């Protein structure tokens, strides 16, 4: 499988250093669509802080990816749902760290989650 980040510089606003406008995937045999994943512990309780929830989210995503013999290196698209715009910077930093600096197409949206103590929800698409 080949991945090629696509961020043209002519005719469209520039991508920032932490995301790409698009990801071209060639030769993939499998796609994995991961539902919105929250910062919940195995017992279903949420992390107490934003930082803890972000750590739990990325741990949960890693576990889900591993169940399909994939890792975060297989993620080709990500959407973050934040309950407060002030969470954007911490969310971006957690994403950059989890992906080891690899840039992918991302979107962040401010929303209301189904439970008030779910601060962030992240869904990903992975390819292998």
N, C-alpha and C. Protein backbone atom coordinates (compact mmCIF):
# COMPACT_ATOMS: atom_id res chain seq x y z
N UNK A 1 0.84 -1.17 0.00
CA UNK A 1 0.00 0.00 0.00
C UNK A 1 0.89 1.24 0.00
N UNK A 2 0.50 2.21 -0.77
CA UNK A 2 1.21 3.49 -0.83
C UNK A 2 0.28 4.61 -0.36
N UNK A 3 0.83 5.50 0.47
CA UNK A 3 0.10 6.67 0.92
C UNK A 3 0.82 7.90 0.41
N UNK A 4 0.07 8.83 -0.16
CA UNK A 4 0.65 10.08 -0.64
C UNK A 4 -0.19 11.24 -0.14
N UNK A 5 0.42 12.06 0.71
CA UNK A 5 -0.25 13.26 1.20
C UNK A 5 -0.40 14.24 0.04
N UNK A 6 -1.55 14.87 -0.06
CA UNK A 6 -1.82 15.83 -1.13
C UNK A 6 -2.25 17.16 -0.51
N UNK A 7 -1.39 18.17 -0.64
CA UNK A 7 -1.70 19.53 -0.17
C UNK A 7 -1.20 20.52 -1.21
N UNK A 8 -1.98 20.71 -2.29
CA UNK A 8 -1.54 21.64 -3.33
C UNK A 8 -1.36 23.05 -2.78
N UNK A 9 -0.43 23.77 -3.37
CA UNK A 9 -0.16 25.13 -2.89
C UNK A 9 -0.76 26.19 -3.79
N UNK A 10 -1.20 25.82 -4.97
CA UNK A 10 -1.82 26.78 -5.89
C UNK A 10 -3.32 26.56 -5.95
N UNK A 11 -4.08 27.63 -5.84
CA UNK A 11 -5.52 27.57 -6.03
C UNK A 11 -6.33 27.16 -4.82
N UNK A 12 -5.68 26.93 -3.68
CA UNK A 12 -6.38 26.56 -2.45
C UNK A 12 -5.56 27.11 -1.27
N UNK A 13 -6.24 27.38 -0.17
CA UNK A 13 -5.52 27.88 1.00
C UNK A 13 -4.50 26.85 1.46
N UNK A 14 -3.40 27.31 2.07
CA UNK A 14 -2.34 26.36 2.45
C UNK A 14 -2.74 25.49 3.63
N UNK A 15 -2.28 24.26 3.61
CA UNK A 15 -2.43 23.38 4.76
C UNK A 15 -1.41 23.80 5.81
N UNK A 16 -1.75 23.61 7.07
CA UNK A 16 -0.77 23.90 8.13
C UNK A 16 0.12 22.68 8.32
N UNK A 17 1.11 22.81 9.17
CA UNK A 17 2.08 21.74 9.34
C UNK A 17 1.56 20.49 10.00
N UNK A 18 0.34 20.55 10.59
CA UNK A 18 -0.15 19.38 11.31
C UNK A 18 -1.29 18.65 10.60
N UNK A 19 -1.61 19.03 9.37
CA UNK A 19 -2.62 18.28 8.62
C UNK A 19 -2.38 18.42 7.13
N UNK A 20 -2.98 17.53 6.36
CA UNK A 20 -2.91 17.55 4.90
C UNK A 20 -4.32 17.75 4.36
N UNK A 21 -4.42 18.35 3.19
CA UNK A 21 -5.73 18.51 2.57
C UNK A 21 -6.34 17.16 2.18
N UNK A 22 -5.50 16.23 1.76
CA UNK A 22 -6.02 14.94 1.28
C UNK A 22 -4.95 13.86 1.43
N UNK A 23 -5.39 12.62 1.39
CA UNK A 23 -4.48 11.48 1.42
C UNK A 23 -4.87 10.54 0.29
N UNK A 24 -3.95 10.32 -0.62
CA UNK A 24 -4.17 9.36 -1.70
C UNK A 24 -3.70 7.99 -1.21
N UNK A 25 -4.55 6.98 -1.36
CA UNK A 25 -4.23 5.63 -0.93
C UNK A 25 -4.24 4.75 -2.17
N UNK A 26 -3.11 4.08 -2.43
CA UNK A 26 -3.01 3.17 -3.57
C UNK A 26 -2.67 1.77 -3.08
N UNK A 27 -3.32 0.79 -3.65
CA UNK A 27 -3.00 -0.59 -3.35
C UNK A 27 -3.53 -1.10 -2.02
N UNK A 28 -4.47 -0.41 -1.43
CA UNK A 28 -5.05 -0.89 -0.17
C UNK A 28 -5.98 -2.06 -0.44
N UNK A 29 -5.91 -3.06 0.40
CA UNK A 29 -6.80 -4.21 0.30
C UNK A 29 -7.91 -4.16 1.33
N UNK A 30 -7.69 -3.39 2.41
CA UNK A 30 -8.68 -3.33 3.48
C UNK A 30 -8.86 -1.89 3.94
N UNK A 31 -10.09 -1.55 4.29
CA UNK A 31 -10.41 -0.28 4.92
C UNK A 31 -11.08 -0.57 6.26
N UNK A 32 -10.76 0.24 7.26
CA UNK A 32 -11.37 0.11 8.57
C UNK A 32 -11.96 1.46 8.95
N UNK A 33 -13.26 1.49 9.19
CA UNK A 33 -13.95 2.72 9.58
C UNK A 33 -14.25 2.60 11.07
N UNK A 34 -13.59 3.44 11.86
CA UNK A 34 -13.72 3.38 13.32
C UNK A 34 -14.74 4.42 13.78
N UNK A 35 -15.74 3.97 14.49
CA UNK A 35 -16.77 4.86 15.03
C UNK A 35 -16.15 5.89 15.96
N UNK A 36 -16.90 6.93 16.25
CA UNK A 36 -16.43 7.91 17.21
C UNK A 36 -16.01 7.22 18.50
N UNK A 37 -14.79 7.48 18.93
CA UNK A 37 -14.21 6.82 20.09
C UNK A 37 -14.01 7.85 21.19
N UNK A 38 -14.49 7.56 22.39
CA UNK A 38 -14.41 8.49 23.50
C UNK A 38 -13.28 8.12 24.45
N UNK A 39 -13.02 9.04 25.36
CA UNK A 39 -12.01 8.83 26.39
C UNK A 39 -12.58 8.11 27.59
N UNK A 40 -13.01 6.87 27.34
CA UNK A 40 -13.63 6.05 28.38
C UNK A 40 -12.68 4.92 28.79
N UNK A 41 -12.71 4.63 30.07
CA UNK A 41 -11.96 3.49 30.59
C UNK A 41 -12.69 2.20 30.20
N UNK A 42 -12.05 1.04 30.37
CA UNK A 42 -12.72 -0.23 30.05
C UNK A 42 -14.05 -0.44 30.78
N UNK A 43 -14.21 0.20 31.95
CA UNK A 43 -15.48 0.05 32.67
C UNK A 43 -16.54 1.05 32.19
N UNK A 44 -16.20 1.86 31.18
CA UNK A 44 -17.16 2.79 30.61
C UNK A 44 -17.19 4.16 31.25
N UNK A 45 -16.36 4.39 32.26
CA UNK A 45 -16.33 5.70 32.90
C UNK A 45 -15.34 6.61 32.17
N UNK A 46 -15.69 7.91 32.06
CA UNK A 46 -14.81 8.83 31.34
C UNK A 46 -13.62 9.26 32.18
N UNK A 47 -12.54 9.61 31.50
CA UNK A 47 -11.41 10.21 32.17
C UNK A 47 -11.85 11.51 32.84
N UNK A 48 -11.18 11.88 33.93
CA UNK A 48 -11.59 13.05 34.72
C UNK A 48 -11.21 14.38 34.08
N UNK A 49 -10.17 14.36 33.23
CA UNK A 49 -9.68 15.61 32.63
C UNK A 49 -9.60 15.46 31.11
N UNK A 50 -9.45 16.57 30.44
CA UNK A 50 -9.27 16.53 28.99
C UNK A 50 -8.03 15.70 28.62
N UNK A 51 -6.92 15.95 29.32
CA UNK A 51 -5.69 15.20 29.03
C UNK A 51 -5.88 13.70 29.21
N UNK A 52 -6.56 13.31 30.27
CA UNK A 52 -6.80 11.88 30.50
C UNK A 52 -7.71 11.30 29.41
N UNK A 53 -8.74 12.05 29.02
CA UNK A 53 -9.62 11.55 27.97
C UNK A 53 -8.88 11.41 26.65
N UNK A 54 -8.02 12.35 26.32
CA UNK A 54 -7.25 12.25 25.07
C UNK A 54 -6.33 11.03 25.11
N UNK A 55 -5.68 10.78 26.25
CA UNK A 55 -4.84 9.58 26.39
C UNK A 55 -5.67 8.31 26.21
N UNK A 56 -6.84 8.29 26.84
CA UNK A 56 -7.72 7.12 26.72
C UNK A 56 -8.22 6.93 25.29
N UNK A 57 -8.56 8.02 24.62
CA UNK A 57 -9.02 7.92 23.23
C UNK A 57 -7.97 7.26 22.38
N UNK A 58 -6.74 7.75 22.48
CA UNK A 58 -5.69 7.19 21.62
C UNK A 58 -5.33 5.76 22.01
N UNK A 59 -5.44 5.42 23.28
CA UNK A 59 -5.26 4.03 23.69
C UNK A 59 -6.37 3.16 23.12
N UNK A 60 -7.61 3.66 23.21
CA UNK A 60 -8.76 2.90 22.67
C UNK A 60 -8.65 2.74 21.16
N UNK A 61 -8.26 3.80 20.46
CA UNK A 61 -8.08 3.70 19.01
C UNK A 61 -7.01 2.68 18.69
N UNK A 62 -5.90 2.69 19.43
CA UNK A 62 -4.84 1.71 19.21
C UNK A 62 -5.32 0.29 19.38
N UNK A 63 -6.15 0.06 20.39
CA UNK A 63 -6.70 -1.28 20.63
C UNK A 63 -7.62 -1.71 19.50
N UNK A 64 -8.46 -0.79 19.06
CA UNK A 64 -9.38 -1.10 17.95
C UNK A 64 -8.61 -1.39 16.67
N UNK A 65 -7.60 -0.57 16.38
CA UNK A 65 -6.77 -0.80 15.19
C UNK A 65 -6.06 -2.15 15.28
N UNK A 66 -5.52 -2.46 16.45
CA UNK A 66 -4.81 -3.73 16.63
C UNK A 66 -5.72 -4.92 16.38
N UNK A 67 -7.01 -4.78 16.67
CA UNK A 67 -7.94 -5.88 16.43
C UNK A 67 -8.07 -6.19 14.94
N UNK A 68 -7.65 -5.26 14.10
CA UNK A 68 -7.66 -5.45 12.64
C UNK A 68 -6.23 -5.56 12.10
N UNK A 69 -5.28 -5.86 12.98
CA UNK A 69 -3.86 -5.93 12.61
C UNK A 69 -3.38 -4.65 11.95
N UNK A 70 -3.78 -3.51 12.54
CA UNK A 70 -3.35 -2.20 12.06
C UNK A 70 -2.79 -1.41 13.24
N UNK A 71 -2.11 -0.30 12.91
CA UNK A 71 -1.60 0.64 13.90
C UNK A 71 -2.00 2.05 13.48
N UNK A 72 -1.59 3.03 14.26
CA UNK A 72 -1.89 4.42 13.90
C UNK A 72 -1.26 4.79 12.57
N UNK A 73 -0.24 4.05 12.13
CA UNK A 73 0.37 4.32 10.82
C UNK A 73 -0.59 4.04 9.67
N UNK A 74 -1.67 3.29 9.94
CA UNK A 74 -2.66 2.98 8.92
C UNK A 74 -3.77 4.02 8.83
N UNK A 75 -3.81 4.97 9.77
CA UNK A 75 -4.87 5.99 9.75
C UNK A 75 -4.66 6.92 8.57
N UNK A 76 -5.73 7.09 7.77
CA UNK A 76 -5.65 7.96 6.59
C UNK A 76 -6.61 9.14 6.67
N UNK A 77 -7.47 9.19 7.69
CA UNK A 77 -8.45 10.28 7.84
C UNK A 77 -8.92 10.30 9.27
N UNK A 78 -9.14 11.52 9.83
CA UNK A 78 -9.53 11.64 11.22
C UNK A 78 -10.47 12.84 11.40
N UNK A 79 -11.52 12.65 12.18
CA UNK A 79 -12.40 13.75 12.56
C UNK A 79 -12.49 13.78 14.08
N UNK A 80 -12.27 14.97 14.64
CA UNK A 80 -12.39 15.19 16.08
C UNK A 80 -13.66 15.98 16.35
N UNK A 81 -14.40 15.54 17.35
CA UNK A 81 -15.59 16.25 17.80
C UNK A 81 -15.29 16.77 19.20
N UNK A 82 -15.20 18.09 19.34
CA UNK A 82 -14.82 18.73 20.59
C UNK A 82 -16.04 19.40 21.20
N UNK A 83 -16.19 19.32 22.51
CA UNK A 83 -17.32 19.98 23.15
C UNK A 83 -17.03 21.44 23.47
N UNK A 84 -15.79 21.87 23.29
CA UNK A 84 -15.42 23.26 23.53
C UNK A 84 -14.27 23.62 22.60
N UNK A 85 -14.35 24.78 21.98
CA UNK A 85 -13.31 25.21 21.05
C UNK A 85 -11.95 25.32 21.74
N UNK A 86 -11.95 25.57 23.03
CA UNK A 86 -10.69 25.70 23.76
C UNK A 86 -9.92 24.38 23.82
N UNK A 87 -10.54 23.26 23.46
CA UNK A 87 -9.87 21.96 23.45
C UNK A 87 -9.06 21.71 22.19
N UNK A 88 -9.16 22.58 21.22
CA UNK A 88 -8.55 22.35 19.91
C UNK A 88 -7.03 22.17 19.99
N UNK A 89 -6.37 23.02 20.73
CA UNK A 89 -4.91 22.94 20.79
C UNK A 89 -4.44 21.64 21.44
N UNK A 90 -5.04 21.27 22.56
CA UNK A 90 -4.66 20.01 23.23
C UNK A 90 -4.98 18.82 22.35
N UNK A 91 -6.12 18.86 21.67
CA UNK A 91 -6.50 17.78 20.77
C UNK A 91 -5.49 17.63 19.63
N UNK A 92 -5.11 18.75 19.03
CA UNK A 92 -4.13 18.71 17.93
C UNK A 92 -2.79 18.18 18.43
N UNK A 93 -2.35 18.62 19.60
CA UNK A 93 -1.08 18.13 20.15
C UNK A 93 -1.13 16.64 20.41
N UNK A 94 -2.25 16.15 20.94
CA UNK A 94 -2.39 14.70 21.20
C UNK A 94 -2.36 13.92 19.89
N UNK A 95 -3.04 14.45 18.86
CA UNK A 95 -3.05 13.79 17.55
C UNK A 95 -1.65 13.74 16.96
N UNK A 96 -0.95 14.87 16.95
CA UNK A 96 0.41 14.92 16.40
C UNK A 96 1.32 13.94 17.13
N UNK A 97 1.20 13.90 18.45
CA UNK A 97 2.01 12.97 19.24
C UNK A 97 1.67 11.52 18.91
N UNK A 98 0.37 11.20 18.88
CA UNK A 98 -0.06 9.82 18.62
C UNK A 98 0.36 9.35 17.24
N UNK A 99 0.36 10.26 16.27
CA UNK A 99 0.73 9.90 14.90
C UNK A 99 2.22 10.06 14.63
N UNK A 100 2.97 10.44 15.64
CA UNK A 100 4.42 10.60 15.47
C UNK A 100 4.77 11.70 14.49
N UNK A 101 3.92 12.72 14.39
CA UNK A 101 4.18 13.83 13.49
C UNK A 101 3.71 13.62 12.06
N UNK A 102 3.21 12.43 11.76
CA UNK A 102 2.70 12.16 10.41
C UNK A 102 1.44 12.98 10.17
N UNK A 103 1.37 13.67 9.03
CA UNK A 103 0.22 14.51 8.74
C UNK A 103 -0.79 13.74 7.88
N UNK A 104 -2.06 13.92 8.24
CA UNK A 104 -3.16 13.28 7.53
C UNK A 104 -4.28 14.30 7.41
N UNK A 105 -5.27 14.05 6.56
CA UNK A 105 -6.44 14.93 6.53
C UNK A 105 -7.20 14.84 7.85
N UNK A 106 -7.48 15.99 8.44
CA UNK A 106 -8.20 16.04 9.71
C UNK A 106 -9.25 17.14 9.67
N UNK A 107 -10.27 16.97 10.47
CA UNK A 107 -11.29 17.98 10.68
C UNK A 107 -11.61 17.99 12.16
N UNK A 108 -11.80 19.19 12.71
CA UNK A 108 -12.25 19.32 14.10
C UNK A 108 -13.54 20.12 14.09
N UNK A 109 -14.53 19.62 14.82
CA UNK A 109 -15.86 20.23 14.85
C UNK A 109 -16.25 20.40 16.32
N UNK A 110 -16.84 21.53 16.66
CA UNK A 110 -17.34 21.76 18.01
C UNK A 110 -18.81 21.32 18.04
N UNK A 111 -19.11 20.41 18.98
CA UNK A 111 -20.43 19.77 19.05
C UNK A 111 -20.87 19.59 20.49
N UNK A 112 -22.07 19.09 20.65
CA UNK A 112 -22.53 18.60 21.94
C UNK A 112 -22.52 17.08 21.86
N UNK A 113 -21.85 16.42 22.80
CA UNK A 113 -21.81 14.97 22.82
C UNK A 113 -23.04 14.43 23.55
N UNK A 114 -23.25 13.14 23.46
CA UNK A 114 -24.42 12.52 24.07
C UNK A 114 -24.39 12.55 25.60
N UNK A 115 -23.20 12.58 26.17
CA UNK A 115 -23.05 12.70 27.62
C UNK A 115 -22.17 13.91 27.91
N UNK A 116 -22.55 14.72 28.86
CA UNK A 116 -21.85 15.98 29.12
C UNK A 116 -20.41 15.79 29.59
N UNK A 117 -20.07 14.62 30.14
CA UNK A 117 -18.70 14.41 30.59
C UNK A 117 -17.81 13.76 29.52
N UNK A 118 -18.31 13.57 28.30
CA UNK A 118 -17.49 13.16 27.17
C UNK A 118 -17.00 14.44 26.51
N UNK A 119 -15.73 14.75 26.65
CA UNK A 119 -15.20 16.03 26.20
C UNK A 119 -14.77 16.02 24.73
N UNK A 120 -14.31 14.89 24.26
CA UNK A 120 -13.82 14.75 22.88
C UNK A 120 -14.22 13.37 22.38
N UNK A 121 -14.51 13.31 21.10
CA UNK A 121 -14.78 12.04 20.42
C UNK A 121 -14.01 12.08 19.11
N UNK A 122 -13.34 11.00 18.76
CA UNK A 122 -12.53 10.96 17.53
C UNK A 122 -12.92 9.74 16.72
N UNK A 123 -13.15 9.96 15.42
CA UNK A 123 -13.37 8.83 14.51
C UNK A 123 -12.26 8.84 13.46
N UNK A 124 -11.86 7.64 13.05
CA UNK A 124 -10.78 7.51 12.08
C UNK A 124 -11.15 6.53 10.99
N UNK A 125 -10.47 6.70 9.87
CA UNK A 125 -10.50 5.73 8.79
C UNK A 125 -9.07 5.25 8.59
N UNK A 126 -8.90 3.94 8.50
CA UNK A 126 -7.58 3.36 8.31
C UNK A 126 -7.60 2.47 7.07
N UNK A 127 -6.42 2.29 6.48
CA UNK A 127 -6.30 1.46 5.29
C UNK A 127 -5.07 0.57 5.41
N UNK A 128 -5.17 -0.62 4.84
CA UNK A 128 -4.03 -1.55 4.83
C UNK A 128 -4.02 -2.33 3.54
